[in-house]
Amino acid sequence: MFLFISGAEITFILFIAIMVFGADKLPEIARGLGKGMRVLKDATNDIKHEITKTAEKNGIDTSVTDDIKKELNQVKDDLEDFTGSIKRK
């Protein structure tokens, strides 16, 4: 699921991007966006690691967050199953 965007809408967006930036610039822009997303993901992972390391160092139980994450994922899956059945009708 890509933000509820259909194939025709993605095609239209790509067409507009080609018209604005030109076909020769699109790979360069995509590469830059990919690198930026990677840097953001790495920074987020570093922050998570630091928080976990500090919590363990100070004796804070981090297993609670794992339990909460499992529950949230279960609710998310149930909600997607429910909304998926509604969208099909």
C-alpha atoms as a PDB file:
ATOM      1  CA  MET A   1       0.000   0.000   0.000  1.00  0.00           C
ATOM      2  CA  PHE A   2       1.662   3.209  -1.146  1.00  0.00           C
ATOM      3  CA  LEU A   3      -0.270   6.021   0.518  1.00  0.00           C
ATOM      4  CA  PHE A   4      -3.485   5.024  -1.270  1.00  0.00           C
ATOM      5  CA  ILE A   5      -2.079   6.113  -4.652  1.00  0.00           C
ATOM      6  CA  SER A   6      -3.129   4.128  -7.700  1.00  0.00           C
ATOM      7  CA  GLY A   7      -0.968   3.240 -10.687  1.00  0.00           C
ATOM      8  CA  ALA A   8      -2.530   5.948 -12.849  1.00  0.00           C
ATOM      9  CA  GLU A   9      -1.773   8.603 -10.237  1.00  0.00           C
ATOM     10  CA  ILE A  10       1.843   7.452  -9.931  1.00  0.00           C
ATOM     11  CA  THR A  11       2.171   7.576 -13.725  1.00  0.00           C
ATOM     12  CA  PHE A  12       0.766  11.115 -13.772  1.00  0.00           C
ATOM     13  CA  ILE A  13       3.178  12.210 -11.030  1.00  0.00           C
ATOM     14  CA  LEU A  14       6.116  10.707 -12.944  1.00  0.00           C
ATOM     15  CA  PHE A  15       4.964  12.464 -16.123  1.00  0.00           C
ATOM     16  CA  ILE A  16       4.845  15.823 -14.317  1.00  0.00           C
ATOM     17  CA  ALA A  17       8.281  15.165 -12.758  1.00  0.00           C
ATOM     18  CA  ILE A  18       9.752  14.429 -16.185  1.00  0.00           C
ATOM     19  CA  MET A  19       8.191  17.604 -17.581  1.00  0.00           C
ATOM     20  CA  VAL A  20       9.552  19.744 -14.726  1.00  0.00           C
ATOM     21  CA  PHE A  21      13.017  18.259 -14.183  1.00  0.00           C
ATOM     22  CA  GLY A  22      13.756  16.490 -17.445  1.00  0.00           C
ATOM     23  CA  ALA A  23      14.479  12.812 -17.979  1.00  0.00           C
ATOM     24  CA  ASP A  24      18.239  13.228 -17.499  1.00  0.00           C
ATOM     25  CA  LYS A  25      17.867  14.727 -13.998  1.00  0.00           C
ATOM     26  CA  LEU A  26      15.402  12.168 -12.547  1.00  0.00           C
ATOM     27  CA  PRO A  27      17.984   9.434 -11.740  1.00  0.00           C
ATOM     28  CA  GLU A  28      20.144  12.013  -9.978  1.00  0.00           C
ATOM     29  CA  ILE A  29      17.169  13.277  -7.949  1.00  0.00           C
ATOM     30  CA  ALA A  30      16.102   9.727  -7.068  1.00  0.00           C
ATOM     31  CA  ARG A  31      19.646   8.869  -5.987  1.00  0.00           C
ATOM     32  CA  GLY A  32      19.763  11.949  -3.771  1.00  0.00           C
ATOM     33  CA  LEU A  33      16.404  11.094  -2.215  1.00  0.00           C
ATOM     34  CA  GLY A  34      17.571   7.518  -1.610  1.00  0.00           C
ATOM     35  CA  LYS A  35      20.747   8.713   0.107  1.00  0.00           C
ATOM     36  CA  GLY A  36      18.752  11.136   2.219  1.00  0.00           C
ATOM     37  CA  MET A  37      16.324   8.423   3.289  1.00  0.00           C
ATOM     38  CA  ARG A  38      19.264   6.154   4.171  1.00  0.00           C
ATOM     39  CA  VAL A  39      20.899   8.861   6.294  1.00  0.00           C
ATOM     40  CA  LEU A  40      17.591   9.475   8.080  1.00  0.00           C
ATOM     41  CA  LYS A  41      17.115   5.757   8.737  1.00  0.00           C
ATOM     42  CA  ASP A  42      20.685   5.406  10.050  1.00  0.00           C
ATOM     43  CA  ALA A  43      20.245   8.420  12.340  1.00  0.00           C
ATOM     44  CA  THR A  44      16.980   6.999  13.676  1.00  0.00           C
ATOM     45  CA  ASN A  45      18.617   3.638  14.341  1.00  0.00           C
ATOM     46  CA  ASP A  46      21.522   5.348  16.124  1.00  0.00           C
ATOM     47  CA  ILE A  47      19.117   7.268  18.358  1.00  0.00           C
ATOM     48  CA  LYS A  48      17.184   4.083  19.179  1.00  0.00           C
ATOM     49  CA  HIS A  49      20.425   2.280  19.983  1.00  0.00           C
ATOM     50  CA  GLU A  50      21.603   5.098  22.266  1.00  0.00           C
ATOM     51  CA  ILE A  51      18.285   5.222  24.114  1.00  0.00           C
ATOM     52  CA  THR A  52      18.280   1.441  24.605  1.00  0.00           C
ATOM     53  CA  LYS A  53      21.923   1.424  25.717  1.00  0.00           C
ATOM     54  CA  THR A  54      21.330   4.245  28.200  1.00  0.00           C
ATOM     55  CA  ALA A  55      18.177   2.591  29.549  1.00  0.00           C
ATOM     56  CA  GLU A  56      19.967  -0.725  30.083  1.00  0.00           C
ATOM     57  CA  LYS A  57      22.916   1.068  31.672  1.00  0.00           C
ATOM     58  CA  ASN A  58      20.573   2.762  34.162  1.00  0.00           C
ATOM     59  CA  GLY A  59      18.673  -0.438  34.906  1.00  0.00           C
ATOM     60  CA  ILE A  60      15.461   0.491  33.109  1.00  0.00           C
ATOM     61  CA  ASP A  61      13.477  -2.502  31.875  1.00  0.00           C
ATOM     62  CA  THR A  62      13.153  -2.188  28.097  1.00  0.00           C
ATOM     63  CA  SER A  63      11.126  -5.378  27.608  1.00  0.00           C
ATOM     64  CA  VAL A  64       7.966  -3.343  28.226  1.00  0.00           C
ATOM     65  CA  THR A  65       8.521  -1.483  24.972  1.00  0.00           C
ATOM     66  CA  ASP A  66       8.840  -4.778  23.097  1.00  0.00           C
ATOM     67  CA  ASP A  67       5.500  -5.926  24.504  1.00  0.00           C
ATOM     68  CA  ILE A  68       3.871  -2.628  23.553  1.00  0.00           C
ATOM     69  CA  LYS A  69       5.350  -2.848  20.055  1.00  0.00           C
ATOM     70  CA  LYS A  70       3.932  -6.364  19.614  1.00  0.00           C
ATOM     71  CA  GLU A  71       0.487  -5.196  20.745  1.00  0.00           C
ATOM     72  CA  LEU A  72       0.579  -2.181  18.425  1.00  0.00           C
ATOM     73  CA  ASN A  73       1.581  -4.360  15.482  1.00  0.00           C
ATOM     74  CA  GLN A  74      -1.281  -6.755  16.269  1.00  0.00           C
ATOM     75  CA  VAL A  75      -3.783  -3.878  16.376  1.00  0.00           C
ATOM     76  CA  LYS A  76      -2.341  -2.501  13.126  1.00  0.00           C
ATOM     77  CA  ASP A  77      -2.692  -5.883  11.419  1.00  0.00           C
ATOM     78  CA  ASP A  78      -6.258  -6.293  12.683  1.00  0.00           C
ATOM     79  CA  LEU A  79      -7.149  -2.791  11.495  1.00  0.00           C
ATOM     80  CA  GLU A  80      -5.650  -3.428   8.051  1.00  0.00           C
ATOM     81  CA  ASP A  81      -7.622  -6.679   7.780  1.00  0.00           C
ATOM     82  CA  PHE A  82     -10.810  -4.819   8.720  1.00  0.00           C
ATOM     83  CA  THR A  83     -10.258  -1.855   6.387  1.00  0.00           C
ATOM     84  CA  GLY A  84      -9.171  -4.178   3.592  1.00  0.00           C
ATOM     85  CA  SER A  85     -12.519  -5.919   3.674  1.00  0.00           C
ATOM     86  CA  ILE A  86     -14.325  -2.568   3.602  1.00  0.00           C
ATOM     87  CA  LYS A  87     -12.279  -1.268   0.642  1.00  0.00           C
ATOM     88  CA  ARG A  88     -13.093  -4.332  -1.438  1.00  0.00           C
ATOM     89  CA  LYS A  89     -16.842  -3.733  -1.220  1.00  0.00           C
END
